[in-house]
Protein backbone atom coordinates (compact mmCIF):
# COMPACT_ATOMS: atom_id res chain seq x y z
CA MET A 1 0.00 0.00 0.00
CA LEU A 2 1.22 3.46 -0.90
CA GLU A 3 2.01 5.69 2.06
CA SER A 4 2.12 9.47 2.17
CA MET A 5 4.80 11.35 4.07
CA THR A 6 2.13 13.66 5.50
CA GLY A 7 0.68 12.46 8.79
CA TYR A 8 -0.38 13.37 12.33
CA ALA A 9 -1.15 11.53 15.56
CA ALA A 10 -1.75 12.48 19.20
CA LEU A 11 -2.05 10.29 22.28
CA LYS A 12 -2.15 10.50 26.08
CA GLY A 13 -0.88 8.11 28.72
CA ASP A 14 -0.18 7.78 32.43
CA ALA A 15 1.78 5.51 34.75
CA ILE A 16 4.24 5.62 37.67
CA GLY A 17 2.61 8.76 39.08
CA HIS A 18 3.05 10.66 35.81
CA ASN A 19 0.95 11.57 32.79
CA TRP A 20 2.15 12.47 29.31
CA THR A 21 0.99 13.76 25.94
CA TRP A 22 2.34 12.73 22.52
CA ASP A 23 2.29 14.89 19.39
CA LEU A 24 3.68 13.34 16.20
CA ARG A 25 3.51 14.95 12.77
CA SER A 26 5.41 14.82 9.47
CA VAL A 27 5.68 16.44 6.05
CA ASN A 28 7.62 15.48 2.94
CA ALA A 29 11.41 15.49 2.75
CA LYS A 30 14.11 13.95 0.57
CA GLY A 31 15.27 11.73 3.43
CA LEU A 32 14.32 10.96 7.02
CA ASP A 33 14.73 13.99 9.28
CA LEU A 34 13.80 13.30 12.92
CA ARG A 35 13.32 16.20 15.33
CA LEU A 36 12.46 15.27 18.92
CA ARG A 37 11.45 17.41 21.90
CA VAL A 38 11.36 15.06 24.88
CA PRO A 39 12.27 15.30 28.60
CA ASP A 40 16.01 15.00 29.12
CA TRP A 41 15.66 13.80 32.74
CA ILE A 42 14.39 10.38 31.62
CA GLU A 43 17.62 8.59 30.78
CA GLY A 44 17.62 6.73 27.48
CA LEU A 45 14.27 8.15 26.31
CA GLU A 46 15.38 10.02 23.20
CA PRO A 47 17.56 7.20 21.77
CA ALA A 48 14.75 4.70 22.31
CA LEU A 49 12.17 6.91 20.58
CA ARG A 50 14.54 7.80 17.75
CA SER A 51 15.23 4.12 17.12
CA GLY A 52 11.51 3.29 17.06
CA LEU A 53 10.75 6.08 14.61
CA SER A 54 13.63 5.12 12.30
CA LYS A 55 12.37 1.54 12.06
CA SER A 56 8.83 2.66 11.30
CA MET A 57 9.38 5.09 8.41
CA ALA A 58 11.85 5.69 5.61
CA ARG A 59 11.31 9.32 4.58
CA GLY A 60 9.80 12.53 5.88
CA SER A 61 10.48 15.51 8.10
CA VAL A 62 9.18 14.12 11.40
CA ASN A 63 8.53 16.14 14.55
CA LEU A 64 7.83 14.34 17.82
CA SER A 65 6.89 16.24 20.98
CA LEU A 66 6.43 14.48 24.32
CA ARG A 67 5.37 16.34 27.50
CA VAL A 68 5.64 14.43 30.77
CA GLN A 69 4.14 15.79 34.02
CA ARG A 70 4.01 14.51 37.57
CA ASP A 71 0.53 13.79 38.94
CA GLU A 72 -0.56 16.50 41.37
CA GLU A 73 -1.85 14.03 43.94
CA GLN A 74 1.35 12.03 43.96
CA GLY A 75 3.29 12.10 47.26
CA THR A 76 3.13 11.25 50.97
CA LEU A 77 1.91 13.60 53.71
CA THR A 78 4.38 14.01 56.60
CA VAL A 79 4.44 16.20 59.70
CA ASN A 80 7.17 18.80 59.88
CA GLN A 81 8.35 18.15 63.43
CA VAL A 82 10.30 21.38 63.69
CA GLN A 83 7.43 23.51 62.47
CA LEU A 84 4.90 21.73 64.73
CA SER A 85 7.18 22.21 67.74
CA ALA A 86 7.45 25.91 66.96
CA VAL A 87 3.66 26.16 66.66
CA LEU A 88 3.14 24.40 70.02
CA ASP A 89 5.70 26.65 71.70
CA ALA A 90 3.95 29.70 70.28
CA LEU A 91 0.59 28.32 71.46
CA ALA A 92 1.95 27.74 74.97
CA ASP A 93 3.28 31.30 75.09
CA ALA A 94 -0.11 32.58 73.95
CA GLU A 95 -1.93 30.61 76.66
CA THR A 96 0.45 31.93 79.36
CA LEU A 97 -0.05 35.50 78.18
CA ALA A 98 -3.80 35.03 78.04
CA ILE A 99 -3.90 33.71 81.63
CA ASP A 100 -1.86 36.70 82.78
CA LYS A 101 -4.35 39.00 81.11
CA GLY A 102 -7.31 37.08 82.43
CA VAL A 103 -8.42 35.93 79.02
CA GLY A 104 -9.69 32.41 78.45
CA LEU A 105 -8.75 30.47 75.28
CA ALA A 106 -10.71 27.65 73.68
CA PRO A 107 -8.88 24.32 73.49
CA SER A 108 -6.98 23.82 70.25
CA LYS A 109 -7.85 20.83 68.05
CA ALA A 110 -5.30 18.72 66.22
CA SER A 111 -6.98 19.55 62.88
CA ASP A 112 -6.45 23.24 63.54
CA LEU A 113 -2.76 22.66 64.12
CA LEU A 114 -2.35 20.51 61.01
CA ASN A 115 -3.96 23.17 58.85
CA LEU A 116 -1.35 25.72 59.81
CA ARG A 117 1.14 26.47 57.05
CA GLY A 118 4.27 24.36 57.11
CA VAL A 119 3.03 21.76 59.61
CA LEU A 120 2.05 19.22 56.92
CA GLU A 121 4.36 18.62 53.96
CA THR A 122 4.04 16.54 50.83
CA SER A 123 7.17 14.48 50.35
CA VAL A 124 7.66 13.21 46.79
CA GLU A 125 9.68 10.07 46.30
CA ASP A 126 12.33 9.96 43.62
CA THR A 127 10.90 8.90 40.28
CA ASP A 128 11.84 5.47 38.99
CA THR A 129 12.91 6.67 35.53
CA LYS A 130 13.57 3.14 34.27
CA ALA A 131 9.99 2.10 34.97
CA LEU A 132 8.72 5.37 33.50
CA LEU A 133 10.86 4.86 30.40
CA ALA A 134 9.43 1.37 29.94
CA ALA A 135 5.85 2.64 30.31
CA ILE A 136 6.35 5.45 27.80
CA THR A 137 8.16 3.39 25.17
CA ALA A 138 5.54 0.64 25.50
CA GLN A 139 2.98 3.13 24.18
CA LEU A 140 5.08 4.19 21.20
CA PRO A 141 3.79 1.38 18.89
CA VAL A 142 0.20 2.52 19.55
CA LEU A 143 1.12 6.08 18.59
CA LEU A 144 2.97 4.92 15.48
CA GLU A 145 0.09 2.72 14.34
CA SER A 146 -2.30 5.67 14.56
CA PHE A 147 0.23 7.84 12.75
CA LYS A 148 0.85 5.31 9.97
CA ASP A 149 -2.87 4.70 9.59
CA MET A 150 -3.33 8.36 8.70
CA ARG A 151 -0.38 8.21 6.30
CA ARG A 152 -1.88 5.15 4.64
CA LYS A 153 -5.23 6.91 4.21
CA GLU A 154 -3.41 9.85 2.67
CA GLY A 155 -1.55 7.36 0.49
CA VAL A 156 -4.78 5.84 -0.85
CA ALA A 157 -5.97 9.26 -2.01
CA LEU A 158 -2.52 10.06 -3.40
CA GLU A 159 -2.38 6.79 -5.34
CA ALA A 160 -5.74 7.52 -6.97
CA VAL A 161 -4.45 10.92 -8.13
CA LEU A 162 -1.23 9.42 -9.52
CA LEU A 163 -3.06 6.64 -11.39
CA ASP A 164 -5.38 9.22 -12.96
CA GLN A 165 -2.37 11.27 -14.07
CA LEU A 166 -0.75 8.17 -15.57
CA GLU A 167 -3.93 7.58 -17.57
CA GLN A 168 -3.72 11.13 -18.86
CA ILE A 169 -0.08 10.62 -19.89
CA GLU A 170 -0.97 7.35 -21.60
CA GLU A 171 -3.82 9.00 -23.50
CA LEU A 172 -1.67 11.96 -24.56
CA THR A 173 1.06 9.54 -25.69
CA ALA A 174 -1.49 7.76 -27.89
CA GLN A 175 -2.59 11.11 -29.34
CA ALA A 176 1.05 11.99 -30.01
CA ALA A 177 1.53 8.70 -31.87
CA GLU A 178 -1.47 9.47 -34.10
CA ALA A 179 -0.19 12.98 -34.76
CA ALA A 180 3.28 11.61 -35.55
CA ARG A 181 1.85 9.14 -38.06
CA ALA A 182 -0.16 11.89 -39.71
CA ARG A 183 2.93 14.07 -39.83
CA ARG A 184 5.00 11.25 -41.36
CA ALA A 185 3.19 11.35 -44.72
CA GLU A 186 3.42 15.13 -44.80
CA SER A 187 7.12 14.99 -43.88
CA ALA A 188 7.83 12.53 -46.69
CA THR A 189 6.22 14.88 -49.21
CA ILE A 190 8.19 17.83 -47.84
CA LEU A 191 11.45 15.87 -48.01
CA ARG A 192 10.84 14.86 -51.63
CA THR A 193 10.03 18.46 -52.53
CA ASN A 194 13.18 19.69 -50.75
CA LEU A 195 15.28 17.04 -52.47
CA ALA A 196 14.01 18.11 -55.90
CA ARG A 197 14.60 21.77 -55.06
CA VAL A 198 18.18 21.10 -53.92
CA LEU A 199 19.00 19.06 -57.02
CA ASP A 200 17.50 21.65 -59.33
CA ASN A 201 19.59 24.42 -57.78
CA SER A 202 22.86 22.58 -57.19
CA ASP A 203 25.03 21.73 -60.18
CA GLY A 204 26.99 18.54 -59.71
CA ALA A 205 25.35 17.66 -56.38
CA ASP A 206 25.51 13.99 -55.44
CA GLU A 207 21.87 12.95 -55.53
CA THR A 208 22.51 9.92 -53.33
CA ARG A 209 24.38 11.94 -50.71
CA VAL A 210 21.67 14.60 -50.59
CA ALA A 211 19.03 11.92 -50.22
CA GLN A 212 21.00 10.38 -47.34
CA GLU A 213 21.28 13.70 -45.54
CA LEU A 214 17.57 14.33 -45.87
CA ALA A 215 16.84 10.80 -44.66
CA MET A 216 19.00 11.42 -41.59
CA LEU A 217 17.03 14.58 -40.88
CA ALA A 218 13.85 12.56 -41.10
CA VAL A 219 15.22 9.99 -38.64
CA LYS A 220 16.23 12.71 -36.20
CA ALA A 221 12.72 14.16 -36.38
CA ASP A 222 11.09 10.80 -35.66
CA VAL A 223 9.49 10.68 -32.19
CA MET A 224 8.42 7.04 -32.00
CA GLU A 225 11.33 6.12 -29.72
CA GLU A 226 10.33 8.82 -27.25
CA LEU A 227 6.73 7.63 -27.33
CA ASP A 228 7.81 4.03 -26.78
CA ARG A 229 9.84 5.10 -23.76
CA LEU A 230 6.90 7.10 -22.39
CA ARG A 231 4.73 3.98 -22.60
CA ALA A 232 7.44 2.00 -20.81
CA HIS A 233 7.67 4.65 -18.08
CA VAL A 234 3.89 4.52 -17.58
CA ALA A 235 4.06 0.75 -17.10
CA ALA A 236 7.02 1.08 -14.71
CA ALA A 237 5.21 3.72 -12.63
CA ARG A 238 2.13 1.52 -12.30
CA ASP A 239 4.31 -1.38 -11.16
CA LEU A 240 5.91 0.82 -8.50
CA LEU A 241 2.52 2.02 -7.25
CA ALA A 242 1.37 -1.58 -7.00
CA GLN A 243 4.41 -2.41 -4.83
CA GLY A 244 3.51 0.19 -2.22
CA SER A 245 5.85 2.29 -0.10
CA PRO A 246 8.68 3.03 0.13
CA VAL A 247 8.98 3.81 -3.62
CA GLY A 248 9.08 7.62 -3.49
CA ARG A 249 12.71 7.94 -4.60
CA LYS A 250 12.21 5.57 -7.54
CA LEU A 251 9.09 7.42 -8.64
CA ASP A 252 10.91 10.74 -8.37
CA PHE A 253 13.70 9.44 -10.64
CA LEU A 254 11.10 8.10 -13.09
CA MET A 255 9.47 11.53 -13.26
CA GLN A 256 12.77 12.96 -14.46
CA GLU A 257 12.71 10.42 -17.30
CA PHE A 258 9.11 11.34 -18.13
CA ASN A 259 10.09 14.98 -18.34
CA ARG A 260 13.13 14.25 -20.51
CA GLU A 261 11.04 12.39 -23.09
CA ALA A 262 8.39 15.13 -23.15
CA ASN A 263 11.07 17.77 -23.72
CA THR A 264 12.56 15.79 -26.59
CA LEU A 265 9.11 15.29 -28.09
CA CYS A 266 8.51 19.04 -28.09
CA SER A 267 11.90 19.77 -29.67
CA LYS A 268 11.22 17.28 -32.48
CA ALA A 269 7.55 18.13 -32.98
CA GLN A 270 7.71 20.25 -36.16
CA SER A 271 3.92 20.45 -36.12
CA VAL A 272 1.36 22.47 -34.22
CA ASP A 273 -0.63 19.41 -33.08
CA LEU A 274 2.39 17.50 -31.84
CA THR A 275 3.74 20.57 -30.05
CA ARG A 276 0.40 21.10 -28.30
CA ILE A 277 0.32 17.48 -27.16
CA GLY A 278 3.92 17.72 -25.95
CA LEU A 279 3.12 20.79 -23.87
CA ASP A 280 0.06 19.08 -22.39
CA LEU A 281 2.29 16.14 -21.48
CA LYS A 282 4.77 18.40 -19.76
CA ALA A 283 1.96 20.01 -17.72
CA VAL A 284 0.60 16.66 -16.51
CA ILE A 285 4.09 15.33 -15.78
CA ASP A 286 4.91 18.44 -13.74
CA GLN A 287 1.69 18.04 -11.72
CA MET A 288 2.45 14.37 -11.15
CA ARG A 289 5.99 15.15 -10.03
CA GLU A 290 4.62 17.50 -7.35
CA GLN A 291 2.39 14.70 -6.03
CA VAL A 292 5.25 12.19 -6.09
CA GLN A 293 7.17 14.41 -3.66
CA ASN A 294 4.69 13.28 -0.96
CA VAL A 295 5.22 9.55 -1.50
CA GLU A 296 7.34 7.83 1.13
């Protein structure tokens, strides 16, 4: 199946007291260009992700962003002994001062003390980065499958466009062959007329040599070889599309050959109809080449 280099996928996950968000996207490129933005405090994360991406795709400018956050509720509540002792000392001083002033104080509850700032603390244990690494990388295949699924869907649409353009090239090649055959009879008449004109105006000219030169000009103007190669290129392109990705580089090279034959056809045309068909071919080939740039 043909696969486009354009794709996008997003995913969320959580484990080991953390949650994370994936963002993976790509556009076309001549080779594989991986750009990763991932936490550097998880040892071994970037090499593992880079390896997984490299095995999953052959071409494209790929951007992967991974944000990892610690869960807010993670941690253990502990009593700050120093702070609690200071609070109790301050409370005792307050009670003594109140007695001296003849003021009565309501008994303090433990919950009141614990709600005072600094008495309770949340102690967070060190993160087990190896376990976190394993949890994150275990989700990478799920992300990649979603990503590749989108690229395959794009590839289906892209393949339909390319096959339609190949049909247009094939049809224009057939029209060019008809125009070339029609031109052949006209060219033969022109060559005979030119030969007679040259012989009538050239004393002592070698009739055989002049005829050979004119025949060589006729051969050079013949476009059947270019048309045969265009048909062969159409067949080769269809075979590549049937193979599926990665065939982008081969298709790109084939488009250069398509363009070369179309250029030669235009230079040899020597007729309005054949020139028009050659220009139409060049237009379709150029459009197809732009689409091929997106094939992995």
